[in-house]
Amino acid sequence: AQSVSLALDNPDAEAKFAATYGSL
């Protein structure tokens, strides 16, 4: 639940996700 929340709502997490997984 926290992973989903962070991945969707936290700008730092979104940027790290994008850097790691690209366009997925």
PDB file of all heavy atoms in Angstrom:
ATOM      1  N   ALA A   1       0.825  -1.209   0.000  1.00  0.00           N
ATOM      2  CA  ALA A   1       0.000   0.000   0.000  1.00  0.00           C
ATOM      3  C   ALA A   1       0.859   1.259   0.000  1.00  0.00           C
ATOM      4  O   ALA A   1       0.590   2.209  -0.740  1.00  0.00           O
ATOM      5  CB  ALA A   1      -0.944  -0.003   1.209  1.00  0.00           C
ATOM      6  N   GLN A   2       1.910   1.275   0.821  1.00  0.00           N
ATOM      7  CA  GLN A   2       2.769   2.451   0.847  1.00  0.00           C
ATOM      8  C   GLN A   2       3.553   2.573  -0.456  1.00  0.00           C
ATOM      9  O   GLN A   2       3.805   3.679  -0.922  1.00  0.00           O
ATOM     10  CB  GLN A   2       3.703   2.406   2.054  1.00  0.00           C
ATOM     11  CG  GLN A   2       2.956   2.705   3.330  1.00  0.00           C
ATOM     12  CD  GLN A   2       3.880   2.999   4.489  1.00  0.00           C
ATOM     13  OE1 GLN A   2       5.093   3.056   4.363  1.00  0.00           O
ATOM     14  NE2 GLN A   2       3.293   3.196   5.648  1.00  0.00           N
ATOM     15  N   SER A   3       3.934   1.452  -1.039  1.00  0.00           N
ATOM     16  CA  SER A   3       4.648   1.492  -2.315  1.00  0.00           C
ATOM     17  C   SER A   3       3.795   2.132  -3.391  1.00  0.00           C
ATOM     18  O   SER A   3       4.249   2.998  -4.139  1.00  0.00           O
ATOM     19  CB  SER A   3       5.051   0.076  -2.752  1.00  0.00           C
ATOM     20  OG  SER A   3       5.954  -0.482  -1.849  1.00  0.00           O
ATOM     21  N   VAL A   4       2.556   1.705  -3.472  1.00  0.00           N
ATOM     22  CA  VAL A   4       1.650   2.269  -4.473  1.00  0.00           C
ATOM     23  C   VAL A   4       1.456   3.755  -4.214  1.00  0.00           C
ATOM     24  O   VAL A   4       1.516   4.579  -5.134  1.00  0.00           O
ATOM     25  CB  VAL A   4       0.302   1.511  -4.475  1.00  0.00           C
ATOM     26  CG1 VAL A   4      -0.734   2.238  -5.309  1.00  0.00           C
ATOM     27  CG2 VAL A   4       0.502   0.087  -4.975  1.00  0.00           C
ATOM     28  N   SER A   5       1.243   4.119  -2.962  1.00  0.00           N
ATOM     29  CA  SER A   5       1.042   5.524  -2.619  1.00  0.00           C
ATOM     30  C   SER A   5       2.258   6.365  -2.988  1.00  0.00           C
ATOM     31  O   SER A   5       2.133   7.432  -3.601  1.00  0.00           O
ATOM     32  CB  SER A   5       0.740   5.650  -1.129  1.00  0.00           C
ATOM     33  OG  SER A   5       0.579   6.996  -0.777  1.00  0.00           O
ATOM     34  N   LEU A   6       3.433   5.895  -2.624  1.00  0.00           N
ATOM     35  CA  LEU A   6       4.644   6.651  -2.939  1.00  0.00           C
ATOM     36  C   LEU A   6       4.870   6.722  -4.444  1.00  0.00           C
ATOM     37  O   LEU A   6       5.240   7.768  -4.979  1.00  0.00           O
ATOM     38  CB  LEU A   6       5.867   6.024  -2.257  1.00  0.00           C
ATOM     39  CG  LEU A   6       6.029   6.348  -0.784  1.00  0.00           C
ATOM     40  CD1 LEU A   6       7.074   5.440  -0.154  1.00  0.00           C
ATOM     41  CD2 LEU A   6       6.428   7.800  -0.594  1.00  0.00           C
ATOM     42  N   ALA A   7       4.667   5.614  -5.130  1.00  0.00           N
ATOM     43  CA  ALA A   7       4.903   5.587  -6.572  1.00  0.00           C
ATOM     44  C   ALA A   7       3.955   6.519  -7.314  1.00  0.00           C
ATOM     45  O   ALA A   7       4.313   7.083  -8.351  1.00  0.00           O
ATOM     46  CB  ALA A   7       4.766   4.166  -7.102  1.00  0.00           C
ATOM     47  N   LEU A   8       2.761   6.711  -6.792  1.00  0.00           N
ATOM     48  CA  LEU A   8       1.778   7.527  -7.493  1.00  0.00           C
ATOM     49  C   LEU A   8       1.743   8.985  -7.031  1.00  0.00           C
ATOM     50  O   LEU A   8       1.363   9.856  -7.798  1.00  0.00           O
ATOM     51  CB  LEU A   8       0.376   6.918  -7.318  1.00  0.00           C
ATOM     52  CG  LEU A   8       0.179   5.539  -7.932  1.00  0.00           C
ATOM     53  CD1 LEU A   8      -1.206   5.020  -7.607  1.00  0.00           C
ATOM     54  CD2 LEU A   8       0.405   5.570  -9.433  1.00  0.00           C
ATOM     55  N   ASP A   9       2.133   9.236  -5.777  1.00  0.00           N
ATOM     56  CA  ASP A   9       1.908  10.563  -5.208  1.00  0.00           C
ATOM     57  C   ASP A   9       3.153  11.342  -4.799  1.00  0.00           C
ATOM     58  O   ASP A   9       3.044  12.503  -4.431  1.00  0.00           O
ATOM     59  CB  ASP A   9       1.002  10.456  -3.973  1.00  0.00           C
ATOM     60  CG  ASP A   9      -0.368   9.908  -4.313  1.00  0.00           C
ATOM     61  OD1 ASP A   9      -0.832  10.120  -5.443  1.00  0.00           O
ATOM     62  OD2 ASP A   9      -0.973   9.253  -3.441  1.00  0.00           O
ATOM     63  N   ASN A  10       4.321  10.749  -4.820  1.00  0.00           N
ATOM     64  CA  ASN A  10       5.515  11.425  -4.340  1.00  0.00           C
ATOM     65  C   ASN A  10       6.410  11.797  -5.519  1.00  0.00           C
ATOM     66  O   ASN A  10       6.862  10.914  -6.246  1.00  0.00           O
ATOM     67  CB  ASN A  10       6.262  10.511  -3.364  1.00  0.00           C
ATOM     68  CG  ASN A  10       7.479  11.164  -2.774  1.00  0.00           C
ATOM     69  OD1 ASN A  10       8.466  11.360  -3.462  1.00  0.00           O
ATOM     70  ND2 ASN A  10       7.408  11.475  -1.493  1.00  0.00           N
ATOM     71  N   PRO A  11       6.693  13.080  -5.725  1.00  0.00           N
ATOM     72  CA  PRO A  11       7.503  13.494  -6.876  1.00  0.00           C
ATOM     73  C   PRO A  11       8.897  12.852  -6.908  1.00  0.00           C
ATOM     74  O   PRO A  11       9.374  12.465  -7.974  1.00  0.00           O
ATOM     75  CB  PRO A  11       7.614  15.011  -6.723  1.00  0.00           C
ATOM     76  CG  PRO A  11       6.503  15.404  -5.818  1.00  0.00           C
ATOM     77  CD  PRO A  11       6.226  14.223  -4.948  1.00  0.00           C
ATOM     78  N   ASP A  12       9.546  12.712  -5.750  1.00  0.00           N
ATOM     79  CA  ASP A  12      10.863  12.071  -5.713  1.00  0.00           C
ATOM     80  C   ASP A  12      10.766  10.612  -6.126  1.00  0.00           C
ATOM     81  O   ASP A  12      11.602  10.096  -6.870  1.00  0.00           O
ATOM     82  CB  ASP A  12      11.479  12.156  -4.316  1.00  0.00           C
ATOM     83  CG  ASP A  12      11.895  13.564  -3.928  1.00  0.00           C
ATOM     84  OD1 ASP A  12      12.058  14.419  -4.836  1.00  0.00           O
ATOM     85  OD2 ASP A  12      12.044  13.822  -2.724  1.00  0.00           O
ATOM     86  N   ALA A  13       9.737   9.928  -5.626  1.00  0.00           N
ATOM     87  CA  ALA A  13       9.554   8.527  -5.961  1.00  0.00           C
ATOM     88  C   ALA A  13       9.216   8.366  -7.445  1.00  0.00           C
ATOM     89  O   ALA A  13       9.707   7.447  -8.113  1.00  0.00           O
ATOM     90  CB  ALA A  13       8.462   7.908  -5.098  1.00  0.00           C
ATOM     91  N   GLU A  14       8.383   9.241  -7.966  1.00  0.00           N
ATOM     92  CA  GLU A  14       8.040   9.181  -9.390  1.00  0.00           C
ATOM     93  C   GLU A  14       9.283   9.361 -10.247  1.00  0.00           C
ATOM     94  O   GLU A  14       9.478   8.650 -11.245  1.00  0.00           O
ATOM     95  CB  GLU A  14       7.008  10.252  -9.727  1.00  0.00           C
ATOM     96  CG  GLU A  14       5.624   9.980  -9.174  1.00  0.00           C
ATOM     97  CD  GLU A  14       4.641  11.092  -9.506  1.00  0.00           C
ATOM     98  OE1 GLU A  14       4.710  11.663 -10.607  1.00  0.00           O
ATOM     99  OE2 GLU A  14       3.800  11.390  -8.633  1.00  0.00           O
ATOM    100  N   ALA A  15      10.143  10.284  -9.870  1.00  0.00           N
ATOM    101  CA  ALA A  15      11.366  10.528 -10.637  1.00  0.00           C
ATOM    102  C   ALA A  15      12.304   9.329 -10.564  1.00  0.00           C
ATOM    103  O   ALA A  15      12.893   8.919 -11.580  1.00  0.00           O
ATOM    104  CB  ALA A  15      12.067  11.782 -10.118  1.00  0.00           C
ATOM    105  N   LYS A  16      12.451   8.733  -9.381  1.00  0.00           N
ATOM    106  CA  LYS A  16      13.318   7.554  -9.232  1.00  0.00           C
ATOM    107  C   LYS A  16      12.749   6.387 -10.034  1.00  0.00           C
ATOM    108  O   LYS A  16      13.473   5.655 -10.692  1.00  0.00           O
ATOM    109  CB  LYS A  16      13.484   7.166  -7.764  1.00  0.00           C
ATOM    110  CG  LYS A  16      14.502   6.051  -7.565  1.00  0.00           C
ATOM    111  CD  LYS A  16      14.824   5.852  -6.106  1.00  0.00           C
ATOM    112  CE  LYS A  16      15.946   4.873  -5.886  1.00  0.00           C
ATOM    113  NZ  LYS A  16      15.708   3.520  -6.259  1.00  0.00           N
ATOM    114  N   PHE A  17      11.439   6.199  -9.998  1.00  0.00           N
ATOM    115  CA  PHE A  17      10.798   5.130 -10.758  1.00  0.00           C
ATOM    116  C   PHE A  17      11.053   5.328 -12.248  1.00  0.00           C
ATOM    117  O   PHE A  17      11.434   4.403 -12.958  1.00  0.00           O
ATOM    118  CB  PHE A  17       9.291   5.099 -10.470  1.00  0.00           C
ATOM    119  CG  PHE A  17       8.565   3.994 -11.186  1.00  0.00           C
ATOM    120  CD1 PHE A  17       8.442   2.747 -10.596  1.00  0.00           C
ATOM    121  CD2 PHE A  17       8.013   4.193 -12.445  1.00  0.00           C
ATOM    122  CE1 PHE A  17       7.784   1.727 -11.257  1.00  0.00           C
ATOM    123  CE2 PHE A  17       7.354   3.179 -13.111  1.00  0.00           C
ATOM    124  CZ  PHE A  17       7.236   1.938 -12.511  1.00  0.00           C
ATOM    125  N   ALA A  18      10.856   6.548 -12.729  1.00  0.00           N
ATOM    126  CA  ALA A  18      11.069   6.842 -14.148  1.00  0.00           C
ATOM    127  C   ALA A  18      12.526   6.600 -14.546  1.00  0.00           C
ATOM    128  O   ALA A  18      12.804   6.070 -15.626  1.00  0.00           O
ATOM    129  CB  ALA A  18      10.660   8.276 -14.456  1.00  0.00           C
ATOM    130  N   ALA A  19      13.457   6.969 -13.690  1.00  0.00           N
ATOM    131  CA  ALA A  19      14.877   6.757 -13.993  1.00  0.00           C
ATOM    132  C   ALA A  19      15.212   5.272 -14.032  1.00  0.00           C
ATOM    133  O   ALA A  19      16.046   4.833 -14.823  1.00  0.00           O
ATOM    134  CB  ALA A  19      15.739   7.465 -12.952  1.00  0.00           C
ATOM    135  N   THR A  20      14.564   4.490 -13.193  1.00  0.00           N
ATOM    136  CA  THR A  20      14.853   3.058 -13.125  1.00  0.00           C
ATOM    137  C   THR A  20      14.131   2.275 -14.208  1.00  0.00           C
ATOM    138  O   THR A  20      14.709   1.386 -14.829  1.00  0.00           O
ATOM    139  CB  THR A  20      14.448   2.501 -11.734  1.00  0.00           C
ATOM    140  OG1 THR A  20      15.142   3.237 -10.729  1.00  0.00           O
ATOM    141  CG2 THR A  20      14.785   1.018 -11.616  1.00  0.00           C
ATOM    142  N   TYR A  21      12.864   2.588 -14.459  1.00  0.00           N
ATOM    143  CA  TYR A  21      12.042   1.769 -15.347  1.00  0.00           C
ATOM    144  C   TYR A  21      11.673   2.432 -16.669  1.00  0.00           C
ATOM    145  O   TYR A  21      10.946   1.855 -17.467  1.00  0.00           O
ATOM    146  CB  TYR A  21      10.765   1.332 -14.612  1.00  0.00           C
ATOM    147  CG  TYR A  21      11.074   0.454 -13.422  1.00  0.00           C
ATOM    148  CD1 TYR A  21      11.020   0.968 -12.130  1.00  0.00           C
ATOM    149  CD2 TYR A  21      11.445  -0.870 -13.592  1.00  0.00           C
ATOM    150  CE1 TYR A  21      11.322   0.177 -11.036  1.00  0.00           C
ATOM    151  CE2 TYR A  21      11.748  -1.673 -12.509  1.00  0.00           C
ATOM    152  CZ  TYR A  21      11.679  -1.137 -11.236  1.00  0.00           C
ATOM    153  OH  TYR A  21      11.979  -1.921 -10.164  1.00  0.00           O
ATOM    154  N   GLY A  22      12.159   3.632 -16.887  1.00  0.00           N
ATOM    155  CA  GLY A  22      11.914   4.294 -18.166  1.00  0.00           C
ATOM    156  C   GLY A  22      10.444   4.533 -18.427  1.00  0.00           C
ATOM    157  O   GLY A  22       9.715   5.027 -17.576  1.00  0.00           O
ATOM    158  N   SER A  23      10.007   4.150 -19.583  1.00  0.00           N
ATOM    159  CA  SER A  23       8.631   4.440 -19.991  1.00  0.00           C
ATOM    160  C   SER A  23       7.628   3.385 -19.530  1.00  0.00           C
ATOM    161  O   SER A  23       6.437   3.511 -19.824  1.00  0.00           O
ATOM    162  CB  SER A  23       8.560   4.563 -21.517  1.00  0.00           C
ATOM    163  OG  SER A  23       8.906   3.311 -22.108  1.00  0.00           O
ATOM    164  N   LEU A  24       8.076   2.352 -18.820  1.00  0.00           N
ATOM    165  CA  LEU A  24       7.140   1.343 -18.337  1.00  0.00           C
ATOM    166  C   LEU A  24       6.181   1.952 -17.318  1.00  0.00           C
ATOM    167  O   LEU A  24       6.574   2.762 -16.491  1.00  0.00           O
ATOM    168  CB  LEU A  24       7.883   0.180 -17.665  1.00  0.00           C
ATOM    169  CG  LEU A  24       8.762  -0.703 -18.539  1.00  0.00           C
ATOM    170  CD1 LEU A  24       9.470  -1.741 -17.680  1.00  0.00           C
ATOM    171  CD2 LEU A  24       7.942  -1.385 -19.622  1.00  0.00           C
TER     172      LEU A  24
END
